[in-house]
């Protein structure tokens, strides 16, 4: 069983989450959808709708599913005309075989995998696509690695997948994997804002939050790639896993 405590900590910071978290590159979303056109797509664990809006922009119908009421409220405010359903990866309020694709934006690592795979297969039509997506900071850049250490990013999402062969269970074909690169431009204040949307920060003590702020201020003031800059280019790798339902 997966502990969802951290996953459900985001709702209180939903507005900041929507403002500061990175978007998904269009090429990654198109690849995740496996060439589908005018598809009906579930955005599972949709959060504030960052991925929902990327899929809508490509002309698809989107059904967001999200357990946290604060996130659902922010999604409705940020995505006019779209309302998220209350549900989880393990229990979606949808009939059998009604969608063409299920996408997940930087949330699959919170799922209880076996029941989630069964539930995702249930709502997908045969031949439909399941694709989790992650935006991962590029820690090969030294200051990005230091940022991750300071803010306790952890990257649980990748540690579960790199070094192993991803498998979505018996209802799915073999998993394909592809990476895309992109960058987001942030001011120093926006970088602080992004850090304050992370699960570590949201569940940390006041003393730990102050330590993060102090160390991040020092990094911004002293690292030659950051010191004195009005904006910062934060590099990302976007990882997409994709498999078809049998």
Protein backbone atom coordinates (compact mmCIF):
# COMPACT_ATOMS: atom_id res chain seq x y z
CA UNK A 1 0.00 0.00 0.00
CA UNK A 2 1.29 3.46 -0.88
CA UNK A 3 1.29 6.28 1.70
CA UNK A 4 -0.63 9.15 0.06
CA UNK A 5 0.03 11.67 2.87
CA UNK A 6 2.59 13.64 0.86
CA UNK A 7 0.55 13.39 -2.32
CA UNK A 8 -2.44 15.00 -0.59
CA UNK A 9 -0.32 17.78 0.95
CA UNK A 10 -0.33 19.75 -2.31
CA UNK A 11 -3.94 20.96 -2.15
CA UNK A 12 -3.22 23.70 0.39
CA UNK A 13 -0.73 25.23 -2.06
CA UNK A 14 -2.79 24.60 -5.19
CA UNK A 15 -2.64 28.16 -6.56
CA UNK A 16 1.15 28.34 -6.20
CA UNK A 17 1.49 24.82 -7.58
CA UNK A 18 -0.37 25.86 -10.72
CA UNK A 19 1.68 29.04 -11.05
CA UNK A 20 5.19 27.71 -10.45
CA UNK A 21 5.31 24.07 -11.56
CA UNK A 22 6.77 23.47 -15.03
CA UNK A 23 4.65 22.80 -18.10
CA UNK A 24 5.07 19.76 -20.35
CA UNK A 25 6.70 20.15 -23.78
CA UNK A 26 4.25 19.67 -26.63
CA UNK A 27 6.42 17.03 -28.31
CA UNK A 28 6.33 14.89 -25.15
CA UNK A 29 2.54 15.11 -24.88
CA UNK A 30 2.09 14.23 -28.56
CA UNK A 31 4.35 11.19 -28.18
CA UNK A 32 2.50 10.11 -25.04
CA UNK A 33 -0.75 10.14 -27.03
CA UNK A 34 0.74 7.75 -29.59
CA UNK A 35 -0.55 9.57 -32.68
CA UNK A 36 -4.16 9.80 -31.50
CA UNK A 37 -6.37 12.53 -32.95
CA UNK A 38 -9.51 13.94 -31.31
CA UNK A 39 -9.19 11.40 -28.52
CA UNK A 40 -10.98 11.15 -25.20
CA UNK A 41 -8.20 11.36 -22.62
CA UNK A 42 -8.19 10.90 -18.84
CA UNK A 43 -5.70 13.12 -17.02
CA UNK A 44 -5.28 10.95 -13.94
CA UNK A 45 -4.18 12.66 -10.71
CA UNK A 46 -4.70 15.84 -12.71
CA UNK A 47 -3.70 18.25 -9.95
CA UNK A 48 -4.35 21.84 -11.02
CA UNK A 49 -4.69 20.92 -14.69
CA UNK A 50 -1.22 21.66 -16.07
CA UNK A 51 -1.26 18.52 -18.22
CA UNK A 52 -5.01 18.84 -18.87
CA UNK A 53 -4.45 22.20 -20.57
CA UNK A 54 -1.58 20.82 -22.66
CA UNK A 55 -3.83 18.01 -23.94
CA UNK A 56 -6.76 20.37 -24.57
CA UNK A 57 -4.45 22.60 -26.61
CA UNK A 58 -3.87 19.66 -28.97
CA UNK A 59 -7.59 19.38 -29.66
CA UNK A 60 -8.53 16.41 -27.48
CA UNK A 61 -11.37 15.94 -25.01
CA UNK A 62 -10.01 15.66 -21.47
CA UNK A 63 -11.58 14.09 -18.38
CA UNK A 64 -9.47 15.12 -15.35
CA UNK A 65 -9.61 12.86 -12.30
CA UNK A 66 -8.14 14.17 -9.02
CA UNK A 67 -8.58 13.13 -5.36
CA UNK A 68 -7.73 16.47 -3.70
CA UNK A 69 -10.59 19.01 -3.51
CA UNK A 70 -8.21 21.98 -3.36
CA UNK A 71 -6.54 20.85 -6.56
CA UNK A 72 -9.92 20.28 -8.26
CA UNK A 73 -11.02 23.79 -7.33
CA UNK A 74 -7.83 25.29 -8.75
CA UNK A 75 -8.18 23.24 -11.93
CA UNK A 76 -11.71 24.58 -12.44
CA UNK A 77 -10.49 28.15 -11.88
CA UNK A 78 -7.50 27.78 -14.23
CA UNK A 79 -9.22 25.75 -16.95
CA UNK A 80 -12.54 27.34 -17.95
CA UNK A 81 -15.15 24.82 -19.06
CA UNK A 82 -13.40 21.85 -17.45
CA UNK A 83 -14.40 20.18 -14.18
CA UNK A 84 -12.34 17.45 -12.55
CA UNK A 85 -14.00 14.29 -11.25
CA UNK A 86 -13.30 13.21 -7.68
CA UNK A 87 -11.41 9.94 -7.90
CA UNK A 88 -8.07 8.20 -7.67
CA UNK A 89 -5.84 5.95 -9.74
CA UNK A 90 -7.27 2.99 -7.89
CA UNK A 91 -10.93 4.07 -8.24
CA UNK A 92 -12.08 6.20 -11.18
CA UNK A 93 -15.76 7.21 -11.50
CA UNK A 94 -15.93 6.06 -15.13
CA UNK A 95 -17.51 3.12 -16.97
CA UNK A 96 -15.48 0.35 -18.62
CA UNK A 97 -13.66 0.92 -21.93
CA UNK A 98 -14.70 4.55 -22.44
CA UNK A 99 -11.42 6.42 -23.06
CA UNK A 100 -8.68 6.32 -25.68
CA UNK A 101 -5.79 7.27 -23.41
CA UNK A 102 -4.87 7.76 -19.75
CA UNK A 103 -2.05 10.20 -19.05
CA UNK A 104 -0.44 10.95 -15.69
CA UNK A 105 1.65 14.07 -15.08
CA UNK A 106 4.39 13.61 -12.46
CA UNK A 107 2.16 11.54 -10.16
CA UNK A 108 2.47 7.84 -11.11
CA UNK A 109 5.03 7.30 -8.33
CA UNK A 110 2.25 7.95 -5.77
CA UNK A 111 0.02 5.17 -7.12
CA UNK A 112 -0.62 1.78 -5.54
CA UNK A 113 0.56 0.16 -8.73
CA UNK A 114 -1.23 -3.17 -9.10
CA UNK A 115 -4.76 -1.90 -8.39
CA UNK A 116 -4.01 1.26 -10.39
CA UNK A 117 -2.91 -0.74 -13.43
CA UNK A 118 -6.09 -2.83 -13.21
CA UNK A 119 -8.27 0.27 -12.94
CA UNK A 120 -6.50 2.08 -15.78
CA UNK A 121 -6.92 -0.97 -18.02
CA UNK A 122 -10.61 -1.12 -17.07
CA UNK A 123 -11.43 2.41 -18.32
CA UNK A 124 -9.28 2.14 -21.47
CA UNK A 125 -10.66 0.74 -24.68
CA UNK A 126 -8.63 -2.18 -26.17
CA UNK A 127 -5.62 -0.69 -27.94
CA UNK A 128 -5.83 2.47 -25.83
CA UNK A 129 -2.70 4.11 -24.44
CA UNK A 130 -1.43 4.56 -20.89
CA UNK A 131 1.42 7.07 -20.50
CA UNK A 132 2.90 8.52 -17.32
CA UNK A 133 5.02 11.66 -17.82
CA UNK A 134 7.58 13.30 -15.52
CA UNK A 135 9.34 16.62 -15.59
CA UNK A 136 12.72 15.94 -13.96
CA UNK A 137 15.23 18.65 -13.19
CA UNK A 138 18.51 18.03 -15.03
CA UNK A 139 20.83 17.31 -12.11
CA UNK A 140 23.83 16.90 -14.44
CA UNK A 141 24.00 20.71 -14.12
CA UNK A 142 25.87 21.37 -10.87
CA UNK A 143 23.68 24.13 -9.45
CA UNK A 144 20.53 22.11 -10.22
CA UNK A 145 21.99 19.18 -8.27
CA UNK A 146 22.73 21.54 -5.37
CA UNK A 147 19.19 22.94 -5.55
CA UNK A 148 17.85 19.39 -5.27
CA UNK A 149 20.02 18.72 -2.23
CA UNK A 150 18.95 21.93 -0.50
CA UNK A 151 15.24 21.48 -1.17
CA UNK A 152 15.16 17.68 -0.65
CA UNK A 153 13.61 17.08 -4.06
CA UNK A 154 14.52 13.40 -3.89
CA UNK A 155 13.12 12.53 -7.33
CA UNK A 156 11.27 9.46 -6.05
CA UNK A 157 9.56 9.35 -9.41
CA UNK A 158 12.74 8.40 -11.23
CA UNK A 159 14.36 6.18 -8.62
CA UNK A 160 11.47 3.74 -9.02
CA UNK A 161 11.96 3.55 -12.77
CA UNK A 162 15.61 3.99 -13.74
CA UNK A 163 17.64 0.84 -13.48
CA UNK A 164 14.58 -1.39 -13.84
CA UNK A 165 12.32 -2.52 -16.66
CA UNK A 166 9.00 -0.67 -16.32
CA UNK A 167 6.00 -2.97 -16.47
CA UNK A 168 2.34 -1.95 -16.31
CA UNK A 169 1.06 -5.44 -15.70
CA UNK A 170 -0.56 -8.20 -17.79
CA UNK A 171 -3.21 -5.96 -19.38
CA UNK A 172 -0.57 -3.91 -21.22
CA UNK A 173 1.99 -4.46 -23.96
CA UNK A 174 5.68 -3.73 -23.40
CA UNK A 175 6.50 -0.23 -22.15
CA UNK A 176 8.26 2.19 -24.49
CA UNK A 177 10.35 5.05 -23.08
CA UNK A 178 11.46 8.37 -24.50
CA UNK A 179 13.07 11.53 -23.11
CA UNK A 180 12.57 15.14 -24.17
CA UNK A 181 14.45 18.24 -23.02
CA UNK A 182 13.14 21.68 -22.22
CA UNK A 183 13.75 24.69 -19.97
CA UNK A 184 11.67 27.00 -17.86
CA UNK A 185 12.55 30.62 -17.14
CA UNK A 186 12.08 31.72 -13.53
CA UNK A 187 12.92 34.78 -11.49
CA UNK A 188 14.66 34.07 -8.17
CA UNK A 189 11.34 34.73 -6.39
CA UNK A 190 9.61 32.25 -8.67
CA UNK A 191 12.29 29.65 -7.91
CA UNK A 192 11.48 30.09 -4.20
CA UNK A 193 7.79 29.76 -5.09
CA UNK A 194 8.41 26.50 -6.93
CA UNK A 195 10.37 25.08 -3.97
CA UNK A 196 7.46 25.96 -1.66
CA UNK A 197 5.14 23.71 -3.71
CA UNK A 198 7.23 20.59 -3.09
CA UNK A 199 5.96 17.88 -0.74
CA UNK A 200 9.07 18.14 1.49
CA UNK A 201 8.47 21.84 2.09
CA UNK A 202 4.73 21.44 2.66
CA UNK A 203 5.26 18.83 5.37
CA UNK A 204 8.50 20.24 6.88
CA UNK A 205 8.89 21.98 10.24
CA UNK A 206 9.29 25.75 10.37
CA UNK A 207 12.97 25.31 11.25
CA UNK A 208 13.54 23.09 8.21
CA UNK A 209 11.71 25.54 5.96
CA UNK A 210 13.93 28.37 7.21
CA UNK A 211 17.05 26.29 6.57
CA UNK A 212 15.93 25.64 2.99
CA UNK A 213 15.30 29.35 2.43
CA UNK A 214 18.67 30.29 3.93
CA UNK A 215 20.63 27.75 1.89
CA UNK A 216 18.77 28.61 -1.32
CA UNK A 217 19.47 32.31 -0.80
CA UNK A 218 23.17 31.51 -0.41
CA UNK A 219 23.15 29.42 -3.60
CA UNK A 220 21.50 32.23 -5.58
CA UNK A 221 23.94 34.80 -4.21
CA UNK A 222 27.15 32.83 -4.64
CA UNK A 223 26.91 30.43 -7.59
CA UNK A 224 28.45 32.03 -10.71
CA UNK A 225 25.61 30.78 -12.95
CA UNK A 226 23.00 32.43 -10.70
CA UNK A 227 24.51 35.40 -8.88
CA UNK A 228 23.13 38.77 -9.95
CA UNK A 229 20.73 37.34 -12.53
CA UNK A 230 17.17 38.60 -12.92
CA UNK A 231 16.04 35.32 -14.49
CA UNK A 232 17.21 31.71 -14.28
CA UNK A 233 16.97 28.99 -16.93
CA UNK A 234 16.03 25.77 -15.13
CA UNK A 235 16.75 22.76 -17.38
CA UNK A 236 14.45 19.74 -17.37
CA UNK A 237 14.36 16.27 -18.85
CA UNK A 238 10.84 15.06 -19.57
CA UNK A 239 10.50 11.29 -19.31
CA UNK A 240 7.53 9.56 -20.94
CA UNK A 241 6.60 5.89 -20.55
CA UNK A 242 3.95 4.52 -22.93
CA UNK A 243 2.15 1.21 -23.41
CA UNK A 244 -0.98 0.02 -25.19
CA UNK A 245 -3.78 -1.88 -23.52
CA UNK A 246 -4.10 -5.41 -24.87
